C-alpha cells in the first residue's frame, strides 16, 4: 500500500516531468529494499534511466526531423569491403567535430560506392549528438525551392535550410537542373557558408560541376566556398552495393 510520502514524491516527479522516474520508482524502490541499496545508488539508477529514455526520445525526434529515406548506420557499413577508404578519418567524422567547426564533407565517386550510406551514417551520429540535421536529394531541394519562389515563400525556406546544423545533399549531378534551379541551390549553399556544415554526395568530379550549375563563374565561386577546409573523400573503389549483394546471395546459397 502506498504511503502519503510516496504519493507526494510521485506527484512531484510528475510536476518535474520526470516521466521515466515516475514509471520506474515503484519497482526500483522495491528492488532497492530487497538488495539493501543505499539512497545514493537508488537515485543514481533512477536518474540514469531517465537520462537514457530522454536521449532515445531525442535521437528518435532528430532522426524523424532529418527525413532520411532509409536509416543507415556506421555499424551497418562494412569498412573492410572498400579499398582506399581512410577508415580513421571516417571514424573521426562520426564524432561530429566537423559540425562544430562548420566544415563540409564531399563524397565523390561512382554510383553504388556507398556514398549515401556513409553520408546517412554520419547524419545519424549527428542526430545522436543532438544536432539539427536534414537529408534531402539535390533534385528534391531544387524542386522545393522553385515551388517556394512561385509561392513567394523563398526566403523563409532558404532561412529554414540555413538553420540546420548539418545539411546532407544527396546525388548532386545525377539529374541536371534548370538555370533557375542551379541559381537557387547556389543561393542556399552560399547562405550556409561558414554558418553550418554540409555533406554532399556526387558522381561528378569537380571539373564536371559546370554540367550541373551551367555558368563557370558561379560553379567556381561555389566550389571555392564548399571546398574551403572541407574533407574530400574519393570513393573510387568497386561498387560496394554490388559486393554486398553478392555477399548476401552467397550467404543465402550456403546458410551453413
C-alpha atoms as a PDB file:
ATOM      1  CA  UNK A   1       0.000   0.000   0.000  1.00  0.00           C
ATOM      2  CA  UNK A   2       1.349   3.444  -0.927  1.00  0.00           C
ATOM      3  CA  UNK A   3       2.001   5.864   1.918  1.00  0.00           C
ATOM      4  CA  UNK A   4       1.378   9.596   1.648  1.00  0.00           C
ATOM      5  CA  UNK A   5       5.105  10.376   1.256  1.00  0.00           C
ATOM      6  CA  UNK A   6       5.406   8.038  -1.743  1.00  0.00           C
ATOM      7  CA  UNK A   7       2.266   9.505  -3.346  1.00  0.00           C
ATOM      8  CA  UNK A   8       3.586  13.041  -2.870  1.00  0.00           C
ATOM      9  CA  UNK A   9       7.004  12.059  -4.225  1.00  0.00           C
ATOM     10  CA  UNK A  10       5.458  10.592  -7.374  1.00  0.00           C
ATOM     11  CA  UNK A  11       3.327  13.728  -7.880  1.00  0.00           C
ATOM     12  CA  UNK A  12       6.446  15.873  -7.519  1.00  0.00           C
ATOM     13  CA  UNK A  13       8.234  13.786 -10.152  1.00  0.00           C
ATOM     14  CA  UNK A  14       5.251  14.235 -12.483  1.00  0.00           C
ATOM     15  CA  UNK A  15       5.329  18.006 -11.892  1.00  0.00           C
ATOM     16  CA  UNK A  16       9.025  17.987 -12.822  1.00  0.00           C
ATOM     17  CA  UNK A  17       8.121  15.980 -15.991  1.00  0.00           C
ATOM     18  CA  UNK A  18      10.431  13.130 -14.975  1.00  0.00           C
ATOM     19  CA  UNK A  19       8.159  10.576 -16.613  1.00  0.00           C
ATOM     20  CA  UNK A  20      10.616   7.662 -16.619  1.00  0.00           C
ATOM     21  CA  UNK A  21      11.318   8.132 -12.909  1.00  0.00           C
ATOM     22  CA  UNK A  22       7.558   8.179 -12.262  1.00  0.00           C
ATOM     23  CA  UNK A  23       7.210   4.887 -14.140  1.00  0.00           C
ATOM     24  CA  UNK A  24      10.261   3.225 -12.592  1.00  0.00           C
ATOM     25  CA  UNK A  25      10.157   4.446  -9.000  1.00  0.00           C
ATOM     26  CA  UNK A  26       7.885   1.750  -7.581  1.00  0.00           C
ATOM     27  CA  UNK A  27       9.774  -1.306  -8.949  1.00  0.00           C
ATOM     28  CA  UNK A  28      13.102   0.464  -8.327  1.00  0.00           C
ATOM     29  CA  UNK A  29      12.154   1.129  -4.699  1.00  0.00           C
ATOM     30  CA  UNK A  30      11.083  -2.487  -4.239  1.00  0.00           C
ATOM     31  CA  UNK A  31      14.353  -3.784  -5.719  1.00  0.00           C
ATOM     32  CA  UNK A  32      16.401  -1.344  -3.653  1.00  0.00           C
ATOM     33  CA  UNK A  33      14.800  -2.627  -0.450  1.00  0.00           C
ATOM     34  CA  UNK A  34      15.409  -6.258  -1.480  1.00  0.00           C
ATOM     35  CA  UNK A  35      19.074  -5.591  -2.344  1.00  0.00           C
ATOM     36  CA  UNK A  36      19.737  -3.220   0.531  1.00  0.00           C
ATOM     37  CA  UNK A  37      20.785  -0.441  -1.872  1.00  0.00           C
ATOM     38  CA  UNK A  38      21.653   2.958  -0.372  1.00  0.00           C
ATOM     39  CA  UNK A  39      19.815   6.193  -1.196  1.00  0.00           C
ATOM     40  CA  UNK A  40      22.627   7.432  -3.445  1.00  0.00           C
ATOM     41  CA  UNK A  41      22.696   4.309  -5.637  1.00  0.00           C
ATOM     42  CA  UNK A  42      18.889   4.225  -5.749  1.00  0.00           C
ATOM     43  CA  UNK A  43      18.735   7.834  -7.007  1.00  0.00           C
ATOM     44  CA  UNK A  44      21.605   7.236  -9.439  1.00  0.00           C
ATOM     45  CA  UNK A  45      19.810   4.274 -11.046  1.00  0.00           C
ATOM     46  CA  UNK A  46      16.612   6.298 -11.423  1.00  0.00           C
ATOM     47  CA  UNK A  47      18.352   9.307 -12.950  1.00  0.00           C
ATOM     48  CA  UNK A  48      20.352   7.087 -15.358  1.00  0.00           C
ATOM     49  CA  UNK A  49      17.084   5.525 -16.577  1.00  0.00           C
ATOM     50  CA  UNK A  50      15.546   8.991 -17.033  1.00  0.00           C
ATOM     51  CA  UNK A  51      18.550  10.286 -18.993  1.00  0.00           C
ATOM     52  CA  UNK A  52      18.682   7.184 -21.216  1.00  0.00           C
ATOM     53  CA  UNK A  53      14.990   7.488 -22.086  1.00  0.00           C
ATOM     54  CA  UNK A  54      15.399  11.190 -22.884  1.00  0.00           C
ATOM     55  CA  UNK A  55      18.431  10.503 -25.080  1.00  0.00           C
ATOM     56  CA  UNK A  56      16.492   7.839 -27.011  1.00  0.00           C
ATOM     57  CA  UNK A  57      13.497  10.158 -27.444  1.00  0.00           C
ATOM     58  CA  UNK A  58      15.740  12.999 -28.591  1.00  0.00           C
ATOM     59  CA  UNK A  59      17.502  10.721 -31.089  1.00  0.00           C
ATOM     60  CA  UNK A  60      14.195   9.445 -32.482  1.00  0.00           C
ATOM     61  CA  UNK A  61      12.919  13.017 -32.844  1.00  0.00           C
ATOM     62  CA  UNK A  62      16.097  14.200 -34.582  1.00  0.00           C
ATOM     63  CA  UNK A  63      16.045  11.217 -36.956  1.00  0.00           C
ATOM     64  CA  UNK A  64      12.393  11.897 -37.861  1.00  0.00           C
ATOM     65  CA  UNK A  65      13.174  15.573 -38.490  1.00  0.00           C
ATOM     66  CA  UNK A  66      16.164  14.623 -40.675  1.00  0.00           C
ATOM     67  CA  UNK A  67      13.870  12.728 -43.082  1.00  0.00           C
ATOM     68  CA  UNK A  68      16.404  10.069 -44.075  1.00  0.00           C
ATOM     69  CA  UNK A  69      14.856   7.918 -46.839  1.00  0.00           C
ATOM     70  CA  UNK A  70      16.481   4.905 -45.129  1.00  0.00           C
ATOM     71  CA  UNK A  71      18.233   4.950 -41.762  1.00  0.00           C
ATOM     72  CA  UNK A  72      21.753   3.607 -42.327  1.00  0.00           C
ATOM     73  CA  UNK A  73      24.324   3.325 -39.551  1.00  0.00           C
ATOM     74  CA  UNK A  74      28.102   3.114 -39.476  1.00  0.00           C
ATOM     75  CA  UNK A  75      27.779  -0.310 -37.813  1.00  0.00           C
ATOM     76  CA  UNK A  76      25.907  -1.448 -40.925  1.00  0.00           C
ATOM     77  CA  UNK A  77      28.739  -0.417 -43.285  1.00  0.00           C
ATOM     78  CA  UNK A  78      31.498  -2.967 -43.924  1.00  0.00           C
ATOM     79  CA  UNK A  79      34.542  -0.699 -43.796  1.00  0.00           C
ATOM     80  CA  UNK A  80      36.846  -3.574 -44.772  1.00  0.00           C
ATOM     81  CA  UNK A  81      34.902  -4.166 -48.007  1.00  0.00           C
ATOM     82  CA  UNK A  82      36.205  -0.997 -49.691  1.00  0.00           C
ATOM     83  CA  UNK A  83      39.794  -0.367 -50.728  1.00  0.00           C
ATOM     84  CA  UNK A  84      41.278   3.071 -50.265  1.00  0.00           C
ATOM     85  CA  UNK A  85      38.811   4.450 -47.695  1.00  0.00           C
ATOM     86  CA  UNK A  86      40.513   6.358 -44.881  1.00  0.00           C
ATOM     87  CA  UNK A  87      38.820   4.471 -42.022  1.00  0.00           C
ATOM     88  CA  UNK A  88      40.495   6.630 -39.372  1.00  0.00           C
ATOM     89  CA  UNK A  89      39.045   9.789 -40.967  1.00  0.00           C
ATOM     90  CA  UNK A  90      35.558   8.276 -41.281  1.00  0.00           C
ATOM     91  CA  UNK A  91      35.571   7.266 -37.605  1.00  0.00           C
ATOM     92  CA  UNK A  92      36.778  10.740 -36.683  1.00  0.00           C
ATOM     93  CA  UNK A  93      33.927  12.304 -38.674  1.00  0.00           C
ATOM     94  CA  UNK A  94      31.362  10.275 -36.701  1.00  0.00           C
ATOM     95  CA  UNK A  95      32.496  12.288 -33.666  1.00  0.00           C
ATOM     96  CA  UNK A  96      30.860  15.295 -35.404  1.00  0.00           C
ATOM     97  CA  UNK A  97      33.586  17.836 -34.595  1.00  0.00           C
ATOM     98  CA  UNK A  98      33.320  18.934 -38.239  1.00  0.00           C
ATOM     99  CA  UNK A  99      29.828  20.267 -37.436  1.00  0.00           C
ATOM    100  CA  UNK A 100      31.125  22.403 -34.561  1.00  0.00           C
ATOM    101  CA  UNK A 101      33.894  23.622 -36.876  1.00  0.00           C
ATOM    102  CA  UNK A 102      31.333  24.255 -39.688  1.00  0.00           C
ATOM    103  CA  UNK A 103      33.370  22.200 -42.143  1.00  0.00           C
ATOM    104  CA  UNK A 104      31.978  20.306 -45.133  1.00  0.00           C
ATOM    105  CA  UNK A 105      32.331  16.730 -46.368  1.00  0.00           C
ATOM    106  CA  UNK A 106      32.192  15.846 -50.067  1.00  0.00           C
ATOM    107  CA  UNK A 107      31.906  12.218 -51.160  1.00  0.00           C
ATOM    108  CA  UNK A 108      32.994  11.840 -54.811  1.00  0.00           C
ATOM    109  CA  UNK A 109      32.556   8.596 -56.710  1.00  0.00           C
ATOM    110  CA  UNK A 110      30.632   6.324 -58.990  1.00  0.00           C
ATOM    111  CA  UNK A 111      27.129   5.039 -58.306  1.00  0.00           C
ATOM    112  CA  UNK A 112      26.973   2.159 -55.822  1.00  0.00           C
ATOM    113  CA  UNK A 113      30.151   3.111 -53.938  1.00  0.00           C
ATOM    114  CA  UNK A 114      28.272   3.579 -50.663  1.00  0.00           C
ATOM    115  CA  UNK A 115      28.428   7.392 -50.575  1.00  0.00           C
ATOM    116  CA  UNK A 116      24.809   7.802 -49.465  1.00  0.00           C
ATOM    117  CA  UNK A 117      25.209   5.114 -46.780  1.00  0.00           C
ATOM    118  CA  UNK A 118      28.277   6.867 -45.339  1.00  0.00           C
ATOM    119  CA  UNK A 119      26.624  10.301 -45.503  1.00  0.00           C
ATOM    120  CA  UNK A 120      23.489   8.963 -43.791  1.00  0.00           C
ATOM    121  CA  UNK A 121      25.501   7.141 -41.118  1.00  0.00           C
ATOM    122  CA  UNK A 122      27.348  10.357 -40.244  1.00  0.00           C
ATOM    123  CA  UNK A 123      23.981  12.134 -40.232  1.00  0.00           C
ATOM    124  CA  UNK A 124      22.595   9.603 -37.737  1.00  0.00           C
ATOM    125  CA  UNK A 125      25.605  10.232 -35.481  1.00  0.00           C
ATOM    126  CA  UNK A 126      24.864  13.970 -35.757  1.00  0.00           C
ATOM    127  CA  UNK A 127      21.296  13.268 -34.601  1.00  0.00           C
ATOM    128  CA  UNK A 128      22.706  11.204 -31.727  1.00  0.00           C
ATOM    129  CA  UNK A 129      24.770  14.258 -30.735  1.00  0.00           C
ATOM    130  CA  UNK A 130      21.563  16.356 -30.848  1.00  0.00           C
ATOM    131  CA  UNK A 131      22.473  18.341 -33.960  1.00  0.00           C
ATOM    132  CA  UNK A 132      19.594  19.517 -36.153  1.00  0.00           C
ATOM    133  CA  UNK A 133      20.077  17.533 -39.345  1.00  0.00           C
ATOM    134  CA  UNK A 134      18.292  17.447 -42.703  1.00  0.00           C
ATOM    135  CA  UNK A 135      18.771  14.954 -45.519  1.00  0.00           C
ATOM    136  CA  UNK A 136      17.460  15.857 -48.971  1.00  0.00           C
ATOM    137  CA  UNK A 137      18.312  14.950 -52.556  1.00  0.00           C
ATOM    138  CA  UNK A 138      19.661  17.857 -54.598  1.00  0.00           C
ATOM    139  CA  UNK A 139      16.848  17.412 -57.107  1.00  0.00           C
ATOM    140  CA  UNK A 140      14.241  17.369 -54.311  1.00  0.00           C
ATOM    141  CA  UNK A 141      15.647  20.546 -52.761  1.00  0.00           C
ATOM    142  CA  UNK A 142      15.723  22.360 -56.106  1.00  0.00           C
ATOM    143  CA  UNK A 143      12.075  21.477 -56.766  1.00  0.00           C
ATOM    144  CA  UNK A 144      11.182  22.690 -53.269  1.00  0.00           C
ATOM    145  CA  UNK A 145      12.991  25.989 -53.879  1.00  0.00           C
ATOM    146  CA  UNK A 146      11.348  26.579 -57.257  1.00  0.00           C
ATOM    147  CA  UNK A 147       7.930  25.901 -55.761  1.00  0.00           C
ATOM    148  CA  UNK A 148       8.658  28.264 -52.855  1.00  0.00           C
ATOM    149  CA  UNK A 149       9.686  31.039 -55.266  1.00  0.00           C
ATOM    150  CA  UNK A 150       6.445  30.608 -57.198  1.00  0.00           C
ATOM    151  CA  UNK A 151       4.516  30.913 -53.914  1.00  0.00           C
ATOM    152  CA  UNK A 152       6.641  33.897 -52.803  1.00  0.00           C
ATOM    153  CA  UNK A 153       7.933  31.954 -49.837  1.00  0.00           C
ATOM    154  CA  UNK A 154      11.542  31.544 -50.971  1.00  0.00           C
ATOM    155  CA  UNK A 155      13.373  33.498 -48.272  1.00  0.00           C
ATOM    156  CA  UNK A 156      11.596  31.673 -45.448  1.00  0.00           C
ATOM    157  CA  UNK A 157      12.575  28.310 -46.984  1.00  0.00           C
ATOM    158  CA  UNK A 158      16.205  29.367 -47.512  1.00  0.00           C
ATOM    159  CA  UNK A 159      16.391  30.513 -43.892  1.00  0.00           C
ATOM    160  CA  UNK A 160      14.987  27.182 -42.730  1.00  0.00           C
ATOM    161  CA  UNK A 161      17.715  25.315 -44.623  1.00  0.00           C
ATOM    162  CA  UNK A 162      20.310  27.724 -43.257  1.00  0.00           C
ATOM    163  CA  UNK A 163      19.363  26.959 -39.639  1.00  0.00           C
ATOM    164  CA  UNK A 164      20.153  23.219 -39.762  1.00  0.00           C
ATOM    165  CA  UNK A 165      23.424  22.324 -38.051  1.00  0.00           C
ATOM    166  CA  UNK A 166      24.041  19.749 -40.780  1.00  0.00           C
ATOM    167  CA  UNK A 167      22.568  19.685 -44.294  1.00  0.00           C
ATOM    168  CA  UNK A 168      23.091  16.496 -46.326  1.00  0.00           C
ATOM    169  CA  UNK A 169      22.640  16.962 -50.086  1.00  0.00           C
ATOM    170  CA  UNK A 170      22.464  13.636 -51.876  1.00  0.00           C
ATOM    171  CA  UNK A 171      23.099  12.824 -55.543  1.00  0.00           C
ATOM    172  CA  UNK A 172      24.453  16.079 -56.922  1.00  0.00           C
ATOM    173  CA  UNK A 173      24.835  15.636 -60.661  1.00  0.00           C
ATOM    174  CA  UNK A 174      22.541  12.664 -61.202  1.00  0.00           C
ATOM    175  CA  UNK A 175      19.813  14.887 -62.668  1.00  0.00           C
ATOM    176  CA  UNK A 176      20.643  18.222 -64.397  1.00  0.00           C
ATOM    177  CA  UNK A 177      18.919  21.394 -63.156  1.00  0.00           C
ATOM    178  CA  UNK A 178      17.428  24.293 -64.993  1.00  0.00           C
ATOM    179  CA  UNK A 179      19.329  27.591 -64.780  1.00  0.00           C
ATOM    180  CA  UNK A 180      16.799  28.763 -62.173  1.00  0.00           C
ATOM    181  CA  UNK A 181      17.277  25.593 -60.107  1.00  0.00           C
ATOM    182  CA  UNK A 182      21.073  25.888 -60.184  1.00  0.00           C
ATOM    183  CA  UNK A 183      20.916  29.527 -59.067  1.00  0.00           C
ATOM    184  CA  UNK A 184      18.568  28.690 -56.174  1.00  0.00           C
ATOM    185  CA  UNK A 185      20.741  25.808 -54.967  1.00  0.00           C
ATOM    186  CA  UNK A 186      23.748  28.111 -55.136  1.00  0.00           C
ATOM    187  CA  UNK A 187      21.812  30.594 -53.001  1.00  0.00           C
ATOM    188  CA  UNK A 188      21.188  28.011 -50.252  1.00  0.00           C
ATOM    189  CA  UNK A 189      24.806  26.870 -50.189  1.00  0.00           C
ATOM    190  CA  UNK A 190      26.140  30.432 -50.273  1.00  0.00           C
ATOM    191  CA  UNK A 191      23.841  31.364 -47.374  1.00  0.00           C
ATOM    192  CA  UNK A 192      25.114  28.397 -45.325  1.00  0.00           C
ATOM    193  CA  UNK A 193      28.791  29.194 -45.956  1.00  0.00           C
ATOM    194  CA  UNK A 194      30.602  29.229 -42.576  1.00  0.00           C
ATOM    195  CA  UNK A 195      27.216  29.070 -40.769  1.00  0.00           C
ATOM    196  CA  UNK A 196      26.617  25.313 -40.902  1.00  0.00           C
ATOM    197  CA  UNK A 197      28.157  22.063 -42.137  1.00  0.00           C
ATOM    198  CA  UNK A 198      27.192  20.437 -45.443  1.00  0.00           C
ATOM    199  CA  UNK A 199      27.681  16.867 -46.686  1.00  0.00           C
ATOM    200  CA  UNK A 200      27.413  16.365 -50.450  1.00  0.00           C
ATOM    201  CA  UNK A 201      27.425  13.081 -52.369  1.00  0.00           C
ATOM    202  CA  UNK A 202      28.132  13.312 -56.078  1.00  0.00           C
ATOM    203  CA  UNK A 203      29.111  11.134 -59.031  1.00  0.00           C
ATOM    204  CA  UNK A 204      30.861  14.095 -60.702  1.00  0.00           C
ATOM    205  CA  UNK A 205      34.443  15.254 -60.403  1.00  0.00           C
ATOM    206  CA  UNK A 206      34.836  18.960 -59.605  1.00  0.00           C
ATOM    207  CA  UNK A 207      35.780  19.731 -63.225  1.00  0.00           C
ATOM    208  CA  UNK A 208      32.344  18.474 -64.307  1.00  0.00           C
ATOM    209  CA  UNK A 209      30.249  20.542 -61.895  1.00  0.00           C
ATOM    210  CA  UNK A 210      29.582  23.071 -64.641  1.00  0.00           C
ATOM    211  CA  UNK A 211      27.287  20.380 -66.129  1.00  0.00           C
ATOM    212  CA  UNK A 212      25.022  20.984 -63.114  1.00  0.00           C
ATOM    213  CA  UNK A 213      25.432  24.686 -62.454  1.00  0.00           C
ATOM    214  CA  UNK A 214      25.965  25.822 -66.027  1.00  0.00           C
ATOM    215  CA  UNK A 215      27.868  29.067 -65.532  1.00  0.00           C
ATOM    216  CA  UNK A 216      31.584  28.584 -64.986  1.00  0.00           C
ATOM    217  CA  UNK A 217      31.914  31.669 -62.755  1.00  0.00           C
ATOM    218  CA  UNK A 218      29.100  30.549 -60.461  1.00  0.00           C
ATOM    219  CA  UNK A 219      30.492  26.993 -60.308  1.00  0.00           C
ATOM    220  CA  UNK A 220      33.960  28.266 -59.415  1.00  0.00           C
ATOM    221  CA  UNK A 221      32.529  30.509 -56.682  1.00  0.00           C
ATOM    222  CA  UNK A 222      30.524  27.623 -55.252  1.00  0.00           C
ATOM    223  CA  UNK A 223      33.466  25.217 -55.283  1.00  0.00           C
ATOM    224  CA  UNK A 224      35.618  27.824 -53.577  1.00  0.00           C
ATOM    225  CA  UNK A 225      33.098  28.046 -50.718  1.00  0.00           C
ATOM    226  CA  UNK A 226      32.352  24.325 -50.434  1.00  0.00           C
ATOM    227  CA  UNK A 227      35.911  23.004 -50.605  1.00  0.00           C
ATOM    228  CA  UNK A 228      37.377  25.575 -48.195  1.00  0.00           C
ATOM    229  CA  UNK A 229      38.586  23.457 -45.228  1.00  0.00           C
ATOM    230  CA  UNK A 230      36.424  20.556 -46.464  1.00  0.00           C
ATOM    231  CA  UNK A 231      37.003  16.825 -46.070  1.00  0.00           C
ATOM    232  CA  UNK A 232      37.040  15.437 -49.626  1.00  0.00           C
ATOM    233  CA  UNK A 233      36.632  11.658 -49.797  1.00  0.00           C
ATOM    234  CA  UNK A 234      37.231   9.978 -53.158  1.00  0.00           C
ATOM    235  CA  UNK A 235      35.135   6.808 -53.378  1.00  0.00           C
ATOM    236  CA  UNK A 236      36.858   5.241 -56.382  1.00  0.00           C
ATOM    237  CA  UNK A 237      36.614   1.608 -55.283  1.00  0.00           C
ATOM    238  CA  UNK A 238      34.491  -1.070 -56.967  1.00  0.00           C
ATOM    239  CA  UNK A 239      30.760  -0.983 -56.308  1.00  0.00           C
ATOM    240  CA  UNK A 240      30.134  -1.515 -52.592  1.00  0.00           C
ATOM    241  CA  UNK A 241      26.463  -2.177 -53.312  1.00  0.00           C
ATOM    242  CA  UNK A 242      27.318  -4.957 -55.777  1.00  0.00           C
ATOM    243  CA  UNK A 243      29.791  -6.542 -53.348  1.00  0.00           C
ATOM    244  CA  UNK A 244      27.180  -6.571 -50.561  1.00  0.00           C
ATOM    245  CA  UNK A 245      24.544  -8.064 -52.898  1.00  0.00           C
ATOM    246  CA  UNK A 246      26.903 -10.858 -53.970  1.00  0.00           C
ATOM    247  CA  UNK A 247      27.846 -11.494 -50.335  1.00  0.00           C
ATOM    248  CA  UNK A 248      24.178 -11.783 -49.320  1.00  0.00           C
ATOM    249  CA  UNK A 249      23.421 -14.159 -52.229  1.00  0.00           C
ATOM    250  CA  UNK A 250      26.388 -16.320 -51.215  1.00  0.00           C
ATOM    251  CA  UNK A 251      25.129 -16.487 -47.615  1.00  0.00           C
ATOM    252  CA  UNK A 252      21.637 -17.405 -48.805  1.00  0.00           C
ATOM    253  CA  UNK A 253      23.019 -20.138 -51.043  1.00  0.00           C
ATOM    254  CA  UNK A 254      25.253 -21.505 -48.242  1.00  0.00           C
ATOM    255  CA  UNK A 255      23.394 -20.783 -44.982  1.00  0.00           C
ATOM    256  CA  UNK A 256      25.509 -23.238 -43.017  1.00  0.00           C
END
